[in-house]
């Protein structure tokens, strides 16, 4: 299901969130159960299904990570699980982060946890800055190679996993 088409919005990495919200509200009104209380059961069931799609579309298009994955999937660029290849340099850097994380598991240190968290935030910002021109070009309908966005998506997922593991240590 193309949630952009569902809302009659262009496929974009950074859609106007006010337009997303308005499209959600319009669909919510159109699909409200009160409008179908006296309808045939098939119409009511269809409206309920579409209301579920509406909620899922809104949640996806409002969330940067979900929207990124959805758009890459629509463009047939989302790699199959386990099929992706990340650059060796990035993997080496992640190995350093993993080692630091393992050290913190054995000797928790709030200052080191905060420092590692800050370093991961900085890395995430750098990764986004690298790919931002490609994503913005796509949003302007310029012909772009989406491979850097795919790489960004995979790297971002890796960083998110590290941050989630780090958060477990901090709690």
N, C-alpha and C. Protein backbone atom coordinates (compact mmCIF):
# COMPACT_ATOMS: atom_id res chain seq x y z
N UNK A 1 0.86 -1.18 0.00
CA UNK A 1 0.00 0.00 0.00
C UNK A 1 0.89 1.23 0.00
N UNK A 2 0.67 2.10 -0.93
CA UNK A 2 1.40 3.37 -1.04
C UNK A 2 0.66 4.41 -0.20
N UNK A 3 1.20 4.71 0.97
CA UNK A 3 0.53 5.66 1.86
C UNK A 3 0.54 7.08 1.31
N UNK A 4 1.51 7.39 0.48
CA UNK A 4 1.52 8.71 -0.16
C UNK A 4 0.34 8.82 -1.11
N UNK A 5 0.14 7.79 -1.93
CA UNK A 5 -1.00 7.79 -2.86
C UNK A 5 -2.32 7.77 -2.09
N UNK A 6 -2.38 7.04 -0.99
CA UNK A 6 -3.58 6.99 -0.17
C UNK A 6 -4.00 8.39 0.26
N UNK A 7 -3.01 9.23 0.56
CA UNK A 7 -3.28 10.61 0.98
C UNK A 7 -3.20 11.61 -0.18
N UNK A 8 -2.96 11.10 -1.38
CA UNK A 8 -2.81 11.95 -2.57
C UNK A 8 -1.70 12.98 -2.37
N UNK A 9 -0.58 12.50 -1.85
CA UNK A 9 0.60 13.33 -1.63
C UNK A 9 1.75 12.79 -2.47
N UNK A 10 2.67 13.67 -2.86
CA UNK A 10 3.83 13.18 -3.62
C UNK A 10 4.75 12.35 -2.73
N UNK A 11 5.43 11.41 -3.34
CA UNK A 11 6.41 10.62 -2.60
C UNK A 11 7.59 11.53 -2.27
N UNK A 12 7.81 11.72 -0.98
CA UNK A 12 8.91 12.58 -0.53
C UNK A 12 9.48 12.05 0.78
N UNK A 13 10.79 12.27 0.95
CA UNK A 13 11.42 11.92 2.22
C UNK A 13 11.00 12.89 3.32
N UNK A 14 10.71 14.13 2.93
CA UNK A 14 10.34 15.15 3.90
C UNK A 14 9.02 15.82 3.49
N UNK A 15 7.91 15.08 3.56
CA UNK A 15 6.63 15.68 3.17
C UNK A 15 6.22 16.77 4.17
N UNK A 16 5.42 17.68 3.68
CA UNK A 16 4.86 18.73 4.54
C UNK A 16 3.97 18.05 5.58
N UNK A 17 4.38 18.11 6.83
CA UNK A 17 3.65 17.39 7.88
C UNK A 17 2.26 17.96 8.13
N UNK A 18 2.07 19.21 7.84
CA UNK A 18 0.72 19.79 7.99
C UNK A 18 -0.21 19.18 6.94
N UNK A 19 0.29 18.95 5.73
CA UNK A 19 -0.52 18.31 4.69
C UNK A 19 -0.82 16.86 5.05
N UNK A 20 0.15 16.19 5.66
CA UNK A 20 -0.07 14.81 6.10
C UNK A 20 -1.17 14.79 7.16
N UNK A 21 -1.09 15.69 8.11
CA UNK A 21 -2.09 15.76 9.18
C UNK A 21 -3.48 16.05 8.62
N UNK A 22 -3.55 17.01 7.70
CA UNK A 22 -4.85 17.36 7.11
C UNK A 22 -5.43 16.19 6.32
N UNK A 23 -4.59 15.49 5.57
CA UNK A 23 -5.06 14.34 4.80
C UNK A 23 -5.58 13.25 5.74
N UNK A 24 -4.88 13.06 6.84
CA UNK A 24 -5.33 12.09 7.84
C UNK A 24 -6.70 12.47 8.40
N UNK A 25 -6.86 13.74 8.73
CA UNK A 25 -8.13 14.19 9.30
C UNK A 25 -9.28 14.06 8.30
N UNK A 26 -9.02 14.39 7.04
CA UNK A 26 -10.05 14.26 6.00
C UNK A 26 -10.47 12.79 5.88
N UNK A 27 -9.48 11.90 5.79
CA UNK A 27 -9.80 10.46 5.68
C UNK A 27 -10.52 9.98 6.93
N UNK A 28 -10.10 10.47 8.09
CA UNK A 28 -10.75 10.06 9.35
C UNK A 28 -12.22 10.42 9.35
N UNK A 29 -12.52 11.62 8.86
CA UNK A 29 -13.93 12.05 8.79
C UNK A 29 -14.70 11.19 7.79
N UNK A 30 -14.11 10.94 6.63
CA UNK A 30 -14.78 10.15 5.59
C UNK A 30 -15.05 8.72 6.05
N UNK A 31 -14.17 8.19 6.87
CA UNK A 31 -14.25 6.78 7.24
C UNK A 31 -14.80 6.56 8.65
N UNK A 32 -15.29 7.60 9.27
CA UNK A 32 -15.78 7.49 10.65
C UNK A 32 -16.93 6.48 10.72
N UNK A 33 -16.91 5.61 11.73
CA UNK A 33 -17.95 4.56 11.84
C UNK A 33 -19.37 5.10 11.90
N UNK A 34 -19.57 6.30 12.42
CA UNK A 34 -20.92 6.87 12.50
C UNK A 34 -21.56 7.01 11.13
N UNK A 35 -20.74 7.23 10.10
CA UNK A 35 -21.27 7.38 8.75
C UNK A 35 -21.73 6.05 8.17
N UNK A 36 -21.32 4.96 8.79
CA UNK A 36 -21.62 3.64 8.24
C UNK A 36 -22.49 2.80 9.16
N UNK A 37 -23.07 3.42 10.18
CA UNK A 37 -23.85 2.66 11.16
C UNK A 37 -25.09 2.00 10.55
N UNK A 38 -25.65 2.61 9.51
CA UNK A 38 -26.84 2.04 8.88
C UNK A 38 -26.52 1.43 7.52
N UNK A 39 -25.25 1.30 7.20
CA UNK A 39 -24.83 0.76 5.91
C UNK A 39 -24.83 -0.76 5.94
N UNK A 40 -24.68 -1.32 4.77
CA UNK A 40 -24.53 -2.76 4.67
C UNK A 40 -23.26 -3.18 5.41
N UNK A 41 -23.26 -4.37 5.92
CA UNK A 41 -22.11 -4.82 6.72
C UNK A 41 -20.81 -4.80 5.90
N UNK A 42 -20.90 -5.07 4.60
CA UNK A 42 -19.72 -5.03 3.74
C UNK A 42 -19.13 -3.64 3.64
N UNK A 43 -19.99 -2.63 3.53
CA UNK A 43 -19.51 -1.25 3.46
C UNK A 43 -18.87 -0.84 4.79
N UNK A 44 -19.50 -1.24 5.87
CA UNK A 44 -18.97 -0.90 7.19
C UNK A 44 -17.62 -1.57 7.41
N UNK A 45 -17.51 -2.83 7.01
CA UNK A 45 -16.25 -3.55 7.16
C UNK A 45 -15.16 -2.90 6.31
N UNK A 46 -15.50 -2.52 5.09
CA UNK A 46 -14.53 -1.86 4.21
C UNK A 46 -14.06 -0.54 4.83
N UNK A 47 -15.00 0.21 5.40
CA UNK A 47 -14.65 1.48 6.05
C UNK A 47 -13.73 1.24 7.24
N UNK A 48 -14.00 0.18 7.99
CA UNK A 48 -13.14 -0.14 9.14
C UNK A 48 -11.73 -0.51 8.68
N UNK A 49 -11.63 -1.26 7.59
CA UNK A 49 -10.32 -1.62 7.04
C UNK A 49 -9.58 -0.37 6.59
N UNK A 50 -10.29 0.51 5.88
CA UNK A 50 -9.66 1.75 5.41
C UNK A 50 -9.28 2.66 6.57
N UNK A 51 -10.06 2.64 7.64
CA UNK A 51 -9.71 3.43 8.82
C UNK A 51 -8.41 2.91 9.43
N UNK A 52 -8.24 1.60 9.43
CA UNK A 52 -6.99 1.01 9.91
C UNK A 52 -5.81 1.40 9.03
N UNK A 53 -6.03 1.39 7.72
CA UNK A 53 -4.98 1.82 6.79
C UNK A 53 -4.67 3.29 7.02
N UNK A 54 -5.70 4.09 7.24
CA UNK A 54 -5.50 5.51 7.50
C UNK A 54 -4.60 5.72 8.72
N UNK A 55 -4.88 5.00 9.79
CA UNK A 55 -4.06 5.13 10.99
C UNK A 55 -2.62 4.69 10.74
N UNK A 56 -2.45 3.59 10.02
CA UNK A 56 -1.11 3.10 9.70
C UNK A 56 -0.37 4.08 8.79
N UNK A 57 -1.08 4.63 7.82
CA UNK A 57 -0.47 5.60 6.91
C UNK A 57 0.01 6.82 7.69
N UNK A 58 -0.82 7.30 8.58
CA UNK A 58 -0.46 8.48 9.37
C UNK A 58 0.75 8.20 10.26
N UNK A 59 0.74 7.06 10.93
CA UNK A 59 1.88 6.71 11.79
C UNK A 59 3.16 6.58 10.98
N UNK A 60 3.06 6.02 9.80
CA UNK A 60 4.24 5.83 8.95
C UNK A 60 4.77 7.15 8.42
N UNK A 61 3.90 7.99 7.90
CA UNK A 61 4.36 9.23 7.28
C UNK A 61 4.78 10.28 8.30
N UNK A 62 4.38 10.13 9.54
CA UNK A 62 4.80 11.07 10.59
C UNK A 62 6.15 10.69 11.20
N UNK A 63 6.56 9.45 11.04
CA UNK A 63 7.78 8.94 11.66
C UNK A 63 8.91 8.88 10.63
N UNK A 64 10.01 9.57 10.91
CA UNK A 64 11.11 9.64 9.95
C UNK A 64 11.62 8.26 9.52
N UNK A 65 11.82 7.37 10.49
CA UNK A 65 12.37 6.05 10.17
C UNK A 65 11.39 5.19 9.38
N UNK A 66 10.14 5.18 9.82
CA UNK A 66 9.13 4.40 9.11
C UNK A 66 8.91 4.94 7.70
N UNK A 67 8.89 6.27 7.57
CA UNK A 67 8.68 6.89 6.26
C UNK A 67 9.85 6.56 5.33
N UNK A 68 11.06 6.61 5.85
CA UNK A 68 12.24 6.29 5.05
C UNK A 68 12.15 4.85 4.53
N UNK A 69 11.85 3.91 5.40
CA UNK A 69 11.73 2.50 4.98
C UNK A 69 10.59 2.33 3.98
N UNK A 70 9.47 2.99 4.23
CA UNK A 70 8.31 2.89 3.34
C UNK A 70 8.65 3.42 1.94
N UNK A 71 9.30 4.55 1.89
CA UNK A 71 9.63 5.15 0.60
C UNK A 71 10.65 4.30 -0.16
N UNK A 72 11.64 3.79 0.54
CA UNK A 72 12.61 2.91 -0.13
C UNK A 72 11.92 1.63 -0.62
N UNK A 73 10.98 1.13 0.14
CA UNK A 73 10.22 -0.05 -0.28
C UNK A 73 9.40 0.27 -1.53
N UNK A 74 8.74 1.41 -1.54
CA UNK A 74 7.94 1.80 -2.71
C UNK A 74 8.80 1.94 -3.96
N UNK A 75 10.03 2.41 -3.77
CA UNK A 75 10.95 2.60 -4.89
C UNK A 75 11.71 1.30 -5.21
N UNK A 76 11.32 0.21 -4.55
CA UNK A 76 11.94 -1.10 -4.73
C UNK A 76 13.44 -1.06 -4.45
N UNK A 77 13.81 -0.32 -3.42
CA UNK A 77 15.22 -0.17 -3.05
C UNK A 77 15.53 -0.74 -1.67
N UNK A 78 14.50 -1.17 -0.95
CA UNK A 78 14.71 -1.69 0.40
C UNK A 78 15.34 -3.07 0.30
N UNK A 79 16.55 -3.24 0.82
CA UNK A 79 17.21 -4.54 0.68
C UNK A 79 16.54 -5.61 1.54
N UNK A 80 16.61 -6.84 1.06
CA UNK A 80 16.10 -7.97 1.83
C UNK A 80 16.94 -8.11 3.09
N UNK A 81 16.32 -8.56 4.16
CA UNK A 81 17.03 -8.74 5.43
C UNK A 81 18.21 -9.68 5.22
N UNK A 82 19.39 -9.25 5.63
CA UNK A 82 20.59 -10.05 5.51
C UNK A 82 21.29 -9.95 4.17
N UNK A 83 20.71 -9.22 3.22
CA UNK A 83 21.29 -9.11 1.88
C UNK A 83 22.12 -7.85 1.69
N UNK A 84 22.10 -6.97 2.67
CA UNK A 84 22.75 -5.67 2.52
C UNK A 84 24.25 -5.76 2.81
N UNK A 85 24.99 -4.97 2.09
CA UNK A 85 26.43 -4.87 2.28
C UNK A 85 26.77 -3.46 2.75
N UNK A 86 27.36 -3.37 3.93
CA UNK A 86 27.79 -2.07 4.43
C UNK A 86 29.28 -1.92 4.17
N UNK A 87 29.73 -0.67 3.97
CA UNK A 87 31.16 -0.45 3.73
C UNK A 87 32.02 -0.95 4.90
N UNK A 88 33.17 -1.51 4.56
CA UNK A 88 34.07 -2.07 5.57
C UNK A 88 34.48 -1.00 6.59
N UNK A 89 34.73 0.20 6.13
CA UNK A 89 35.14 1.29 7.03
C UNK A 89 34.07 1.54 8.10
N UNK A 90 32.82 1.56 7.68
CA UNK A 90 31.72 1.77 8.62
C UNK A 90 31.65 0.61 9.61
N UNK A 91 31.78 -0.61 9.12
CA UNK A 91 31.71 -1.77 10.00
C UNK A 91 32.84 -1.77 11.03
N UNK A 92 34.02 -1.31 10.62
CA UNK A 92 35.14 -1.22 11.57
C UNK A 92 34.83 -0.19 12.65
N UNK A 93 34.25 0.92 12.26
CA UNK A 93 33.87 1.95 13.23
C UNK A 93 32.81 1.40 14.19
N UNK A 94 31.88 0.62 13.66
CA UNK A 94 30.84 0.04 14.51
C UNK A 94 31.42 -1.01 15.45
N UNK A 95 32.47 -1.70 15.00
CA UNK A 95 33.12 -2.67 15.87
C UNK A 95 33.73 -1.95 17.08
N UNK A 96 34.30 -0.77 16.84
CA UNK A 96 34.85 0.02 17.96
C UNK A 96 33.74 0.39 18.95
N UNK A 97 32.59 0.80 18.42
CA UNK A 97 31.47 1.14 19.30
C UNK A 97 30.98 -0.10 20.06
N UNK A 98 30.92 -1.24 19.36
CA UNK A 98 30.49 -2.48 20.02
C UNK A 98 31.44 -2.88 21.14
N UNK A 99 32.74 -2.72 20.90
CA UNK A 99 33.72 -3.04 21.94
C UNK A 99 33.55 -2.13 23.15
N UNK A 100 33.34 -0.84 22.89
CA UNK A 100 33.12 0.10 24.00
C UNK A 100 31.85 -0.27 24.76
N UNK A 101 30.84 -0.69 24.03
CA UNK A 101 29.58 -1.11 24.66
C UNK A 101 29.79 -2.36 25.53
N UNK A 102 30.55 -3.32 25.03
CA UNK A 102 30.83 -4.53 25.81
C UNK A 102 31.61 -4.19 27.08
N UNK A 103 32.57 -3.28 26.95
CA UNK A 103 33.33 -2.85 28.14
C UNK A 103 32.39 -2.26 29.18
N UNK A 104 31.42 -1.48 28.72
CA UNK A 104 30.48 -0.84 29.64
C UNK A 104 29.53 -1.85 30.29
N UNK A 105 29.30 -2.96 29.62
CA UNK A 105 28.45 -4.00 30.22
C UNK A 105 29.12 -4.58 31.46
N UNK A 106 30.45 -4.70 31.40
CA UNK A 106 31.18 -5.28 32.53
C UNK A 106 31.53 -4.24 33.59
N UNK A 107 31.76 -3.02 33.15
CA UNK A 107 32.09 -1.94 34.08
C UNK A 107 31.26 -0.71 33.73
N UNK A 108 30.00 -0.68 34.15
CA UNK A 108 29.14 0.46 33.83
C UNK A 108 29.70 1.77 34.40
N UNK A 109 29.68 2.78 33.57
CA UNK A 109 30.16 4.11 33.97
C UNK A 109 29.23 5.13 33.31
N UNK A 110 28.41 5.83 34.10
CA UNK A 110 27.44 6.78 33.53
C UNK A 110 28.08 7.82 32.61
N UNK A 111 29.27 8.29 32.95
CA UNK A 111 29.93 9.29 32.11
C UNK A 111 30.33 8.70 30.76
N UNK A 112 30.84 7.48 30.78
CA UNK A 112 31.23 6.82 29.53
C UNK A 112 30.00 6.47 28.69
N UNK A 113 28.93 6.07 29.36
CA UNK A 113 27.68 5.77 28.65
C UNK A 113 27.18 7.03 27.95
N UNK A 114 27.19 8.16 28.67
CA UNK A 114 26.75 9.43 28.09
C UNK A 114 27.66 9.84 26.94
N UNK A 115 28.96 9.63 27.10
CA UNK A 115 29.91 9.98 26.03
C UNK A 115 29.69 9.15 24.78
N UNK A 116 29.45 7.86 24.97
CA UNK A 116 29.20 6.97 23.83
C UNK A 116 27.88 7.34 23.15
N UNK A 117 26.89 7.68 23.95
CA UNK A 117 25.59 8.10 23.41
C UNK A 117 25.75 9.37 22.57
N UNK A 118 26.53 10.32 23.08
CA UNK A 118 26.78 11.55 22.33
C UNK A 118 27.52 11.27 21.03
N UNK A 119 28.50 10.36 21.08
CA UNK A 119 29.25 10.00 19.87
C UNK A 119 28.34 9.36 18.83
N UNK A 120 27.42 8.52 19.28
CA UNK A 120 26.47 7.90 18.34
C UNK A 120 25.51 8.93 17.76
N UNK A 121 25.08 9.88 18.58
CA UNK A 121 24.23 10.97 18.07
C UNK A 121 24.97 11.79 17.02
N UNK A 122 26.24 12.07 17.29
CA UNK A 122 27.04 12.83 16.33
C UNK A 122 27.19 12.06 15.02
N UNK A 123 27.46 10.77 15.12
CA UNK A 123 27.59 9.94 13.93
C UNK A 123 26.29 9.94 13.14
N UNK A 124 25.15 9.80 13.82
CA UNK A 124 23.85 9.81 13.14
C UNK A 124 23.65 11.13 12.41
N UNK A 125 24.03 12.23 13.03
CA UNK A 125 23.91 13.54 12.39
C UNK A 125 24.80 13.65 11.16
N UNK A 126 26.01 13.13 11.25
CA UNK A 126 26.94 13.16 10.11
C UNK A 126 26.41 12.31 8.96
N UNK A 127 25.88 11.15 9.28
CA UNK A 127 25.32 10.27 8.24
C UNK A 127 24.18 10.96 7.51
N UNK A 128 23.31 11.63 8.27
CA UNK A 128 22.18 12.32 7.65
C UNK A 128 22.66 13.49 6.80
N UNK A 129 23.64 14.23 7.30
CA UNK A 129 24.16 15.38 6.54
C UNK A 129 24.74 14.94 5.20
N UNK A 130 25.36 13.77 5.17
CA UNK A 130 25.94 13.26 3.92
C UNK A 130 24.88 12.97 2.87
N UNK A 131 23.75 12.45 3.28
CA UNK A 131 22.73 11.99 2.34
C UNK A 131 21.63 13.03 2.10
N UNK A 132 21.58 14.05 2.92
CA UNK A 132 20.51 15.04 2.84
C UNK A 132 20.35 15.65 1.44
N UNK A 133 21.44 16.02 0.75
CA UNK A 133 21.26 16.58 -0.60
C UNK A 133 20.56 15.62 -1.57
N UNK A 134 20.84 14.34 -1.45
CA UNK A 134 20.20 13.35 -2.33
C UNK A 134 18.71 13.28 -2.02
N UNK A 135 18.38 13.24 -0.73
CA UNK A 135 16.97 13.14 -0.32
C UNK A 135 16.20 14.39 -0.74
N UNK A 136 16.81 15.54 -0.56
CA UNK A 136 16.14 16.79 -0.96
C UNK A 136 15.98 16.85 -2.47
N UNK A 137 16.97 16.36 -3.21
CA UNK A 137 16.86 16.31 -4.66
C UNK A 137 15.71 15.42 -5.10
N UNK A 138 15.57 14.28 -4.46
CA UNK A 138 14.46 13.37 -4.74
C UNK A 138 13.13 14.09 -4.51
N UNK A 139 13.05 14.80 -3.38
CA UNK A 139 11.81 15.52 -3.05
C UNK A 139 11.47 16.60 -4.08
N UNK A 140 12.50 17.10 -4.77
CA UNK A 140 12.28 18.12 -5.82
C UNK A 140 12.10 17.46 -7.19
N UNK A 141 11.94 16.15 -7.21
CA UNK A 141 11.75 15.38 -8.45
C UNK A 141 12.97 15.41 -9.36
N UNK A 142 14.14 15.62 -8.80
CA UNK A 142 15.37 15.57 -9.58
C UNK A 142 15.77 14.10 -9.73
N UNK A 143 16.39 13.75 -10.86
CA UNK A 143 16.85 12.36 -11.00
C UNK A 143 18.04 12.13 -10.05
N UNK A 144 17.89 11.20 -9.13
CA UNK A 144 18.95 10.92 -8.17
C UNK A 144 19.15 9.41 -8.05
N UNK A 145 20.36 9.05 -7.69
CA UNK A 145 20.67 7.65 -7.38
C UNK A 145 20.33 7.45 -5.90
N UNK A 146 19.42 6.56 -5.61
CA UNK A 146 18.97 6.34 -4.23
C UNK A 146 19.89 5.42 -3.42
N UNK A 147 20.96 4.91 -4.03
CA UNK A 147 21.84 4.01 -3.28
C UNK A 147 22.42 4.68 -2.03
N UNK A 148 22.83 5.96 -2.08
CA UNK A 148 23.31 6.58 -0.84
C UNK A 148 22.23 6.62 0.25
N UNK A 149 20.97 6.72 -0.14
CA UNK A 149 19.88 6.72 0.84
C UNK A 149 19.70 5.32 1.42
N UNK A 150 19.85 4.31 0.58
CA UNK A 150 19.78 2.93 1.07
C UNK A 150 20.91 2.69 2.08
N UNK A 151 22.12 3.14 1.74
CA UNK A 151 23.25 2.98 2.65
C UNK A 151 22.98 3.71 3.97
N UNK A 152 22.43 4.90 3.86
CA UNK A 152 22.09 5.67 5.06
C UNK A 152 21.08 4.92 5.92
N UNK A 153 20.07 4.38 5.28
CA UNK A 153 19.03 3.62 5.99
C UNK A 153 19.65 2.46 6.78
N UNK A 154 20.54 1.72 6.13
CA UNK A 154 21.16 0.57 6.78
C UNK A 154 22.08 1.00 7.92
N UNK A 155 22.85 2.05 7.68
CA UNK A 155 23.75 2.55 8.72
C UNK A 155 22.95 3.09 9.90
N UNK A 156 21.88 3.79 9.60
CA UNK A 156 21.04 4.37 10.65
C UNK A 156 20.44 3.26 11.51
N UNK A 157 20.00 2.19 10.90
CA UNK A 157 19.45 1.06 11.66
C UNK A 157 20.51 0.48 12.59
N UNK A 158 21.73 0.40 12.09
CA UNK A 158 22.83 -0.13 12.90
C UNK A 158 23.06 0.78 14.11
N UNK A 159 23.11 2.08 13.86
CA UNK A 159 23.32 3.04 14.95
C UNK A 159 22.17 2.98 15.95
N UNK A 160 20.94 2.84 15.46
CA UNK A 160 19.77 2.73 16.36
C UNK A 160 19.88 1.50 17.25
N UNK A 161 20.35 0.39 16.69
CA UNK A 161 20.51 -0.82 17.51
C UNK A 161 21.54 -0.59 18.61
N UNK A 162 22.65 0.06 18.25
CA UNK A 162 23.66 0.36 19.26
C UNK A 162 23.10 1.27 20.35
N UNK A 163 22.34 2.28 19.95
CA UNK A 163 21.75 3.19 20.93
C UNK A 163 20.75 2.47 21.83
N UNK A 164 20.01 1.54 21.27
CA UNK A 164 19.05 0.78 22.07
C UNK A 164 19.79 -0.08 23.10
N UNK A 165 20.88 -0.71 22.67
CA UNK A 165 21.68 -1.51 23.61
C UNK A 165 22.31 -0.63 24.68
N UNK A 166 22.74 0.54 24.28
CA UNK A 166 23.32 1.49 25.23
C UNK A 166 22.27 1.96 26.24
N UNK A 167 21.07 2.19 25.76
CA UNK A 167 19.99 2.65 26.64
C UNK A 167 19.68 1.60 27.71
N UNK A 168 19.81 0.32 27.34
CA UNK A 168 19.58 -0.74 28.33
C UNK A 168 20.60 -0.66 29.46
N UNK A 169 21.82 -0.28 29.11
CA UNK A 169 22.86 -0.15 30.14
C UNK A 169 22.59 1.04 31.05
N UNK A 170 22.05 2.10 30.46
CA UNK A 170 21.82 3.33 31.21
C UNK A 170 20.61 3.27 32.13
N UNK A 171 19.79 2.25 31.96
CA UNK A 171 18.56 2.20 32.78
C UNK A 171 18.72 1.31 33.99
